[in-house]
Amino acid sequence: MESLDTSNTASVDSYVDWTGCELVERVPGKVSGRPVVRGTRILADTIVQDAELGSPLEEIHENYPDLSVAAIRRLISFAQSQHGQRKL
């Protein structure tokens, strides 16, 4: 599995440029203003990195039960579209 190239990210504190992803928000003072899944304290980058490391969707969902499998898929898909990667 190829890793994502992080050289084109908008911010050094984020793995992906999450601008334009409706599932992700940055709130000053919430997890140091890093991109989190809207309404949670779950770092969006963590979800993508887990998938890249080979964690199946079901396992990611078990680790983050507040996120639906559909939301996890959308986060991964968005990150891949930012880097032109093939689907996981």
PDB file of N, CA and C in Angstrom:
ATOM      1  N   MET A   1       0.839  -1.166   0.000  1.00  0.00           N
ATOM      2  CA  MET A   1       0.000   0.000   0.000  1.00  0.00           C
ATOM      3  C   MET A   1       0.888   1.234   0.000  1.00  0.00           C
ATOM      4  N   GLU A   2       0.549   2.209  -0.850  1.00  0.00           N
ATOM      5  CA  GLU A   2       1.319   3.436  -0.946  1.00  0.00           C
ATOM      6  C   GLU A   2       0.939   4.353   0.203  1.00  0.00           C
ATOM      7  N   SER A   3       1.916   5.141   0.676  1.00  0.00           N
ATOM      8  CA  SER A   3       1.600   6.113   1.704  1.00  0.00           C
ATOM      9  C   SER A   3       1.256   7.433   1.041  1.00  0.00           C
ATOM     10  N   LEU A   4       0.493   8.242   1.761  1.00  0.00           N
ATOM     11  CA  LEU A   4       0.119   9.540   1.230  1.00  0.00           C
ATOM     12  C   LEU A   4       1.293  10.493   1.323  1.00  0.00           C
ATOM     13  N   ASP A   5       1.487  11.321   0.315  1.00  0.00           N
ATOM     14  CA  ASP A   5       2.517  12.348   0.307  1.00  0.00           C
ATOM     15  C   ASP A   5       1.981  13.536   1.082  1.00  0.00           C
ATOM     16  N   THR A   6       2.640  13.909   2.161  1.00  0.00           N
ATOM     17  CA  THR A   6       2.161  15.006   2.995  1.00  0.00           C
ATOM     18  C   THR A   6       2.800  16.336   2.638  1.00  0.00           C
ATOM     19  N   SER A   7       3.586  16.408   1.595  1.00  0.00           N
ATOM     20  CA  SER A   7       4.293  17.636   1.271  1.00  0.00           C
ATOM     21  C   SER A   7       3.374  18.745   0.779  1.00  0.00           C
ATOM     22  N   ASN A   8       2.174  18.433   0.340  1.00  0.00           N
ATOM     23  CA  ASN A   8       1.268  19.451  -0.185  1.00  0.00           C
ATOM     24  C   ASN A   8       0.143  19.801   0.770  1.00  0.00           C
ATOM     25  N   THR A   9       0.276  19.506   2.049  1.00  0.00           N
ATOM     26  CA  THR A   9      -0.799  19.814   2.982  1.00  0.00           C
ATOM     27  C   THR A   9      -0.825  21.300   3.289  1.00  0.00           C
ATOM     28  N   ALA A  10      -1.985  21.789   3.688  1.00  0.00           N
ATOM     29  CA  ALA A  10      -2.158  23.209   3.948  1.00  0.00           C
ATOM     30  C   ALA A  10      -1.550  23.612   5.283  1.00  0.00           C
ATOM     31  N   SER A  11      -1.363  22.684   6.165  1.00  0.00           N
ATOM     32  CA  SER A  11      -0.910  23.008   7.506  1.00  0.00           C
ATOM     33  C   SER A  11       0.035  21.923   8.004  1.00  0.00           C
ATOM     34  N   VAL A  12       1.058  22.341   8.749  1.00  0.00           N
ATOM     35  CA  VAL A  12       2.001  21.353   9.258  1.00  0.00           C
ATOM     36  C   VAL A  12       1.409  20.513  10.378  1.00  0.00           C
ATOM     37  N   ASP A  13       0.286  20.942  10.952  1.00  0.00           N
ATOM     38  CA  ASP A  13      -0.321  20.164  12.028  1.00  0.00           C
ATOM     39  C   ASP A  13      -1.379  19.186  11.518  1.00  0.00           C
ATOM     40  N   SER A  14      -1.495  19.044  10.203  1.00  0.00           N
ATOM     41  CA  SER A  14      -2.476  18.144   9.626  1.00  0.00           C
ATOM     42  C   SER A  14      -1.851  17.321   8.505  1.00  0.00           C
ATOM     43  N   TYR A  15      -2.261  16.091   8.434  1.00  0.00           N
ATOM     44  CA  TYR A  15      -1.783  15.130   7.445  1.00  0.00           C
ATOM     45  C   TYR A  15      -2.396  15.395   6.074  1.00  0.00           C
ATOM     46  N   VAL A  16      -3.603  15.916   6.061  1.00  0.00           N
ATOM     47  CA  VAL A  16      -4.382  16.156   4.843  1.00  0.00           C
ATOM     48  C   VAL A  16      -4.921  17.586   4.900  1.00  0.00           C
ATOM     49  N   ASP A  17      -5.080  18.226   3.762  1.00  0.00           N
ATOM     50  CA  ASP A  17      -5.772  19.507   3.703  1.00  0.00           C
ATOM     51  C   ASP A  17      -7.271  19.208   3.722  1.00  0.00           C
ATOM     52  N   TRP A  18      -7.895  19.376   4.860  1.00  0.00           N
ATOM     53  CA  TRP A  18      -9.297  19.007   5.044  1.00  0.00           C
ATOM     54  C   TRP A  18     -10.258  20.109   4.616  1.00  0.00           C
ATOM     55  N   THR A  19      -9.724  21.211   4.086  1.00  0.00           N
ATOM     56  CA  THR A  19     -10.576  22.292   3.602  1.00  0.00           C
ATOM     57  C   THR A  19     -11.550  21.725   2.571  1.00  0.00           C
ATOM     58  N   GLY A  20     -12.808  21.997   2.754  1.00  0.00           N
ATOM     59  CA  GLY A  20     -13.809  21.521   1.803  1.00  0.00           C
ATOM     60  C   GLY A  20     -14.467  20.216   2.201  1.00  0.00           C
ATOM     61  N   CYS A  21     -14.001  19.584   3.255  1.00  0.00           N
ATOM     62  CA  CYS A  21     -14.638  18.347   3.724  1.00  0.00           C
ATOM     63  C   CYS A  21     -15.657  18.706   4.806  1.00  0.00           C
ATOM     64  N   GLU A  22     -16.931  18.501   4.505  1.00  0.00           N
ATOM     65  CA  GLU A  22     -17.990  18.878   5.442  1.00  0.00           C
ATOM     66  C   GLU A  22     -17.996  18.042   6.717  1.00  0.00           C
ATOM     67  N   LEU A  23     -17.273  16.943   6.724  1.00  0.00           N
ATOM     68  CA  LEU A  23     -17.212  16.087   7.919  1.00  0.00           C
ATOM     69  C   LEU A  23     -16.188  16.569   8.938  1.00  0.00           C
ATOM     70  N   VAL A  24     -15.353  17.530   8.545  1.00  0.00           N
ATOM     71  CA  VAL A  24     -14.222  17.933   9.390  1.00  0.00           C
ATOM     72  C   VAL A  24     -14.344  19.405   9.754  1.00  0.00           C
ATOM     73  N   GLU A  25     -13.988  19.701  11.000  1.00  0.00           N
ATOM     74  CA  GLU A  25     -13.997  21.083  11.470  1.00  0.00           C
ATOM     75  C   GLU A  25     -12.736  21.376  12.268  1.00  0.00           C
ATOM     76  N   ARG A  26     -12.392  22.648  12.339  1.00  0.00           N
ATOM     77  CA  ARG A  26     -11.317  23.131  13.207  1.00  0.00           C
ATOM     78  C   ARG A  26     -11.954  24.119  14.167  1.00  0.00           C
ATOM     79  N   VAL A  27     -11.801  23.860  15.448  1.00  0.00           N
ATOM     80  CA  VAL A  27     -12.366  24.729  16.462  1.00  0.00           C
ATOM     81  C   VAL A  27     -11.228  25.181  17.369  1.00  0.00           C
ATOM     82  N   PRO A  28     -10.959  26.492  17.424  1.00  0.00           N
ATOM     83  CA  PRO A  28      -9.899  26.964  18.308  1.00  0.00           C
ATOM     84  C   PRO A  28     -10.124  26.465  19.735  1.00  0.00           C
ATOM     85  N   GLY A  29      -9.087  25.912  20.322  1.00  0.00           N
ATOM     86  CA  GLY A  29      -9.174  25.407  21.687  1.00  0.00           C
ATOM     87  C   GLY A  29      -9.656  23.967  21.791  1.00  0.00           C
ATOM     88  N   LYS A  30     -10.127  23.397  20.689  1.00  0.00           N
ATOM     89  CA  LYS A  30     -10.573  21.999  20.692  1.00  0.00           C
ATOM     90  C   LYS A  30      -9.480  21.178  20.010  1.00  0.00           C
ATOM     91  N   VAL A  31      -8.827  20.320  20.762  1.00  0.00           N
ATOM     92  CA  VAL A  31      -7.706  19.509  20.277  1.00  0.00           C
ATOM     93  C   VAL A  31      -6.683  20.436  19.587  1.00  0.00           C
ATOM     94  N   SER A  32      -6.383  21.528  20.247  1.00  0.00           N
ATOM     95  CA  SER A  32      -5.394  22.514  19.778  1.00  0.00           C
ATOM     96  C   SER A  32      -5.716  23.061  18.387  1.00  0.00           C
ATOM     97  N   GLY A  33      -6.987  23.080  18.021  1.00  0.00           N
ATOM     98  CA  GLY A  33      -7.391  23.621  16.728  1.00  0.00           C
ATOM     99  C   GLY A  33      -7.098  22.729  15.546  1.00  0.00           C
ATOM    100  N   ARG A  34      -6.704  21.487  15.818  1.00  0.00           N
ATOM    101  CA  ARG A  34      -6.419  20.543  14.727  1.00  0.00           C
ATOM    102  C   ARG A  34      -7.716  20.046  14.095  1.00  0.00           C
ATOM    103  N   PRO A  35      -7.667  19.537  12.855  1.00  0.00           N
ATOM    104  CA  PRO A  35      -8.886  19.067  12.189  1.00  0.00           C
ATOM    105  C   PRO A  35      -9.458  17.821  12.872  1.00  0.00           C
ATOM    106  N   VAL A  36     -10.701  17.939  13.305  1.00  0.00           N
ATOM    107  CA  VAL A  36     -11.383  16.826  13.962  1.00  0.00           C
ATOM    108  C   VAL A  36     -12.661  16.513  13.200  1.00  0.00           C
ATOM    109  N   VAL A  37     -13.155  15.302  13.384  1.00  0.00           N
ATOM    110  CA  VAL A  37     -14.436  14.930  12.803  1.00  0.00           C
ATOM    111  C   VAL A  37     -15.504  15.770  13.511  1.00  0.00           C
ATOM    112  N   ARG A  38     -16.333  16.427  12.719  1.00  0.00           N
ATOM    113  CA  ARG A  38     -17.335  17.361  13.240  1.00  0.00           C
ATOM    114  C   ARG A  38     -18.121  16.748  14.399  1.00  0.00           C
ATOM    115  N   GLY A  39     -18.205  17.508  15.497  1.00  0.00           N
ATOM    116  CA  GLY A  39     -18.969  17.079  16.658  1.00  0.00           C
ATOM    117  C   GLY A  39     -18.251  16.095  17.569  1.00  0.00           C
ATOM    118  N   THR A  40     -16.962  15.816  17.268  1.00  0.00           N
ATOM    119  CA  THR A  40     -16.183  14.882  18.087  1.00  0.00           C
ATOM    120  C   THR A  40     -14.825  15.504  18.408  1.00  0.00           C
ATOM    121  N   ARG A  41     -14.022  14.771  19.109  1.00  0.00           N
ATOM    122  CA  ARG A  41     -12.626  15.144  19.341  1.00  0.00           C
ATOM    123  C   ARG A  41     -11.698  14.166  18.614  1.00  0.00           C
ATOM    124  N   ILE A  42     -12.238  13.448  17.649  1.00  0.00           N
ATOM    125  CA  ILE A  42     -11.473  12.456  16.886  1.00  0.00           C
ATOM    126  C   ILE A  42     -10.724  13.167  15.768  1.00  0.00           C
ATOM    127  N   LEU A  43      -9.391  13.022  15.755  1.00  0.00           N
ATOM    128  CA  LEU A  43      -8.578  13.631  14.709  1.00  0.00           C
ATOM    129  C   LEU A  43      -8.865  12.943  13.380  1.00  0.00           C
ATOM    130  N   ALA A  44      -9.227  13.740  12.383  1.00  0.00           N
ATOM    131  CA  ALA A  44      -9.525  13.186  11.057  1.00  0.00           C
ATOM    132  C   ALA A  44      -8.313  12.450  10.490  1.00  0.00           C
ATOM    133  N   ASP A  45      -7.131  12.996  10.709  1.00  0.00           N
ATOM    134  CA  ASP A  45      -5.912  12.367  10.199  1.00  0.00           C
ATOM    135  C   ASP A  45      -5.715  10.957  10.761  1.00  0.00           C
ATOM    136  N   THR A  46      -6.108  10.751  12.007  1.00  0.00           N
ATOM    137  CA  THR A  46      -5.941   9.445  12.641  1.00  0.00           C
ATOM    138  C   THR A  46      -6.715   8.368  11.899  1.00  0.00           C
ATOM    139  N   ILE A  47      -7.913   8.699  11.457  1.00  0.00           N
ATOM    140  CA  ILE A  47      -8.746   7.735  10.732  1.00  0.00           C
ATOM    141  C   ILE A  47      -8.035   7.310   9.445  1.00  0.00           C
ATOM    142  N   VAL A  48      -7.528   8.294   8.703  1.00  0.00           N
ATOM    143  CA  VAL A  48      -6.846   8.009   7.440  1.00  0.00           C
ATOM    144  C   VAL A  48      -5.566   7.216   7.680  1.00  0.00           C
ATOM    145  N   GLN A  49      -4.806   7.599   8.672  1.00  0.00           N
ATOM    146  CA  GLN A  49      -3.557   6.895   8.969  1.00  0.00           C
ATOM    147  C   GLN A  49      -3.823   5.453   9.387  1.00  0.00           C
ATOM    148  N   ASP A  50      -4.862   5.223  10.178  1.00  0.00           N
ATOM    149  CA  ASP A  50      -5.221   3.846  10.551  1.00  0.00           C
ATOM    150  C   ASP A  50      -5.519   3.015   9.309  1.00  0.00           C
ATOM    151  N   ALA A  51      -6.273   3.584   8.375  1.00  0.00           N
ATOM    152  CA  ALA A  51      -6.600   2.866   7.143  1.00  0.00           C
ATOM    153  C   ALA A  51      -5.341   2.571   6.333  1.00  0.00           C
ATOM    154  N   GLU A  52      -4.456   3.537   6.241  1.00  0.00           N
ATOM    155  CA  GLU A  52      -3.210   3.331   5.504  1.00  0.00           C
ATOM    156  C   GLU A  52      -2.344   2.245   6.121  1.00  0.00           C
ATOM    157  N   LEU A  53      -2.418   2.123   7.429  1.00  0.00           N
ATOM    158  CA  LEU A  53      -1.633   1.099   8.118  1.00  0.00           C
ATOM    159  C   LEU A  53      -2.262  -0.290   7.992  1.00  0.00           C
ATOM    160  N   GLY A  54      -3.392  -0.360   7.292  1.00  0.00           N
ATOM    161  CA  GLY A  54      -3.998  -1.658   7.013  1.00  0.00           C
ATOM    162  C   GLY A  54      -5.160  -2.045   7.892  1.00  0.00           C
ATOM    163  N   SER A  55      -5.590  -1.144   8.762  1.00  0.00           N
ATOM    164  CA  SER A  55      -6.741  -1.474   9.609  1.00  0.00           C
ATOM    165  C   SER A  55      -7.996  -1.555   8.746  1.00  0.00           C
ATOM    166  N   PRO A  56      -8.740  -2.649   8.862  1.00  0.00           N
ATOM    167  CA  PRO A  56     -10.000  -2.763   8.110  1.00  0.00           C
ATOM    168  C   PRO A  56     -11.010  -1.734   8.616  1.00  0.00           C
ATOM    169  N   LEU A  57     -11.948  -1.365   7.769  1.00  0.00           N
ATOM    170  CA  LEU A  57     -12.978  -0.393   8.157  1.00  0.00           C
ATOM    171  C   LEU A  57     -13.696  -0.811   9.437  1.00  0.00           C
ATOM    172  N   GLU A  58     -13.988  -2.093   9.549  1.00  0.00           N
ATOM    173  CA  GLU A  58     -14.705  -2.584  10.730  1.00  0.00           C
ATOM    174  C   GLU A  58     -13.896  -2.349  12.004  1.00  0.00           C
ATOM    175  N   GLU A  59     -12.584  -2.521  11.922  1.00  0.00           N
ATOM    176  CA  GLU A  59     -11.731  -2.307  13.091  1.00  0.00           C
ATOM    177  C   GLU A  59     -11.675  -0.822  13.454  1.00  0.00           C
ATOM    178  N   ILE A  60     -11.565   0.027  12.443  1.00  0.00           N
ATOM    179  CA  ILE A  60     -11.571   1.467  12.706  1.00  0.00           C
ATOM    180  C   ILE A  60     -12.887   1.854  13.362  1.00  0.00           C
ATOM    181  N   HIS A  61     -13.988   1.305  12.853  1.00  0.00           N
ATOM    182  CA  HIS A  61     -15.304   1.585  13.435  1.00  0.00           C
ATOM    183  C   HIS A  61     -15.389   1.099  14.882  1.00  0.00           C
ATOM    184  N   GLU A  62     -14.808  -0.053  15.164  1.00  0.00           N
ATOM    185  CA  GLU A  62     -14.794  -0.553  16.544  1.00  0.00           C
ATOM    186  C   GLU A  62     -14.007   0.389  17.456  1.00  0.00           C
ATOM    187  N   ASN A  63     -12.905   0.946  16.935  1.00  0.00           N
ATOM    188  CA  ASN A  63     -12.082   1.863  17.723  1.00  0.00           C
ATOM    189  C   ASN A  63     -12.735   3.233  17.891  1.00  0.00           C
ATOM    190  N   TYR A  64     -13.574   3.609  16.940  1.00  0.00           N
ATOM    191  CA  TYR A  64     -14.252   4.913  16.954  1.00  0.00           C
ATOM    192  C   TYR A  64     -15.744   4.705  16.698  1.00  0.00           C
ATOM    193  N   PRO A  65     -16.455   4.091  17.654  1.00  0.00           N
ATOM    194  CA  PRO A  65     -17.861   3.727  17.428  1.00  0.00           C
ATOM    195  C   PRO A  65     -18.785   4.932  17.222  1.00  0.00           C
ATOM    196  N   ASP A  66     -18.331   6.135  17.566  1.00  0.00           N
ATOM    197  CA  ASP A  66     -19.151   7.321  17.324  1.00  0.00           C
ATOM    198  C   ASP A  66     -19.213   7.676  15.842  1.00  0.00           C
ATOM    199  N   LEU A  67     -18.322   7.087  15.034  1.00  0.00           N
ATOM    200  CA  LEU A  67     -18.311   7.332  13.593  1.00  0.00           C
ATOM    201  C   LEU A  67     -18.967   6.163  12.871  1.00  0.00           C
ATOM    202  N   SER A  68     -19.801   6.459  11.908  1.00  0.00           N
ATOM    203  CA  SER A  68     -20.398   5.393  11.097  1.00  0.00           C
ATOM    204  C   SER A  68     -19.357   4.885  10.103  1.00  0.00           C
ATOM    205  N   VAL A  69     -19.554   3.681   9.616  1.00  0.00           N
ATOM    206  CA  VAL A  69     -18.663   3.142   8.586  1.00  0.00           C
ATOM    207  C   VAL A  69     -18.710   4.039   7.353  1.00  0.00           C
ATOM    208  N   ALA A  70     -19.885   4.564   7.031  1.00  0.00           N
ATOM    209  CA  ALA A  70     -20.023   5.459   5.874  1.00  0.00           C
ATOM    210  C   ALA A  70     -19.177   6.723   6.062  1.00  0.00           C
ATOM    211  N   ALA A  71     -19.183   7.295   7.252  1.00  0.00           N
ATOM    212  CA  ALA A  71     -18.386   8.492   7.514  1.00  0.00           C
ATOM    213  C   ALA A  71     -16.894   8.179   7.411  1.00  0.00           C
ATOM    214  N   ILE A  72     -16.490   7.027   7.911  1.00  0.00           N
ATOM    215  CA  ILE A  72     -15.084   6.616   7.825  1.00  0.00           C
ATOM    216  C   ILE A  72     -14.680   6.486   6.359  1.00  0.00           C
ATOM    217  N   ARG A  73     -15.527   5.855   5.569  1.00  0.00           N
ATOM    218  CA  ARG A  73     -15.250   5.725   4.126  1.00  0.00           C
ATOM    219  C   ARG A  73     -15.117   7.090   3.465  1.00  0.00           C
ATOM    220  N   ARG A  74     -16.001   8.004   3.811  1.00  0.00           N
ATOM    221  CA  ARG A  74     -15.963   9.338   3.205  1.00  0.00           C
ATOM    222  C   ARG A  74     -14.696  10.089   3.591  1.00  0.00           C
ATOM    223  N   LEU A  75     -14.250   9.957   4.835  1.00  0.00           N
ATOM    224  CA  LEU A  75     -13.003  10.598   5.261  1.00  0.00           C
ATOM    225  C   LEU A  75     -11.819  10.057   4.464  1.00  0.00           C
ATOM    226  N   ILE A  76     -11.758   8.745   4.331  1.00  0.00           N
ATOM    227  CA  ILE A  76     -10.669   8.111   3.588  1.00  0.00           C
ATOM    228  C   ILE A  76     -10.713   8.527   2.127  1.00  0.00           C
ATOM    229  N   SER A  77     -11.887   8.525   1.550  1.00  0.00           N
ATOM    230  CA  SER A  77     -12.051   8.911   0.150  1.00  0.00           C
ATOM    231  C   SER A  77     -11.629  10.362  -0.081  1.00  0.00           C
ATOM    232  N   PHE A  78     -12.027  11.250   0.824  1.00  0.00           N
ATOM    233  CA  PHE A  78     -11.651  12.649   0.696  1.00  0.00           C
ATOM    234  C   PHE A  78     -10.136  12.802   0.753  1.00  0.00           C
ATOM    235  N   ALA A  79      -9.513  12.144   1.721  1.00  0.00           N
ATOM    236  CA  ALA A  79      -8.050  12.233   1.860  1.00  0.00           C
ATOM    237  C   ALA A  79      -7.358  11.733   0.604  1.00  0.00           C
ATOM    238  N   GLN A  80      -7.843  10.635   0.057  1.00  0.00           N
ATOM    239  CA  GLN A  80      -7.239  10.077  -1.153  1.00  0.00           C
ATOM    240  C   GLN A  80      -7.424  11.015  -2.335  1.00  0.00           C
ATOM    241  N   SER A  81      -8.565  11.683  -2.414  1.00  0.00           N
ATOM    242  CA  SER A  81      -8.800  12.601  -3.524  1.00  0.00           C
ATOM    243  C   SER A  81      -7.847  13.794  -3.438  1.00  0.00           C
ATOM    244  N   GLN A  82      -7.435  14.142  -2.242  1.00  0.00           N
ATOM    245  CA  GLN A  82      -6.495  15.239  -2.066  1.00  0.00           C
ATOM    246  C   GLN A  82      -5.097  14.867  -2.556  1.00  0.00           C
ATOM    247  N   HIS A  83      -4.825  13.587  -2.622  1.00  0.00           N
ATOM    248  CA  HIS A  83      -3.499  13.111  -2.991  1.00  0.00           C
ATOM    249  C   HIS A  83      -3.496  12.280  -4.258  1.00  0.00           C
ATOM    250  N   GLY A  84      -4.669  12.110  -4.886  1.00  0.00           N
ATOM    251  CA  GLY A  84      -4.736  11.346  -6.131  1.00  0.00           C
ATOM    252  C   GLY A  84      -4.396   9.881  -5.955  1.00  0.00           C
ATOM    253  N   GLN A  85      -4.684   9.333  -4.787  1.00  0.00           N
ATOM    254  CA  GLN A  85      -4.362   7.935  -4.505  1.00  0.00           C
ATOM    255  C   GLN A  85      -5.509   7.019  -4.931  1.00  0.00           C
ATOM    256  N   ARG A  86      -5.209   5.766  -5.103  1.00  0.00           N
ATOM    257  CA  ARG A  86      -6.228   4.763  -5.367  1.00  0.00           C
ATOM    258  C   ARG A  86      -6.991   4.481  -4.082  1.00  0.00           C
ATOM    259  N   LYS A  87      -8.191   3.919  -4.194  1.00  0.00           N
ATOM    260  CA  LYS A  87      -9.009   3.612  -3.016  1.00  0.00           C
ATOM    261  C   LYS A  87      -8.374   2.502  -2.203  1.00  0.00           C
ATOM    262  N   LEU A  88      -8.598   2.605  -0.868  1.00  0.00           N
ATOM    263  CA  LEU A  88      -8.115   1.559   0.045  1.00  0.00           C
ATOM    264  C   LEU A  88      -9.005   0.346  -0.038  1.00  0.00           C
TER     265      LEU A  88
END
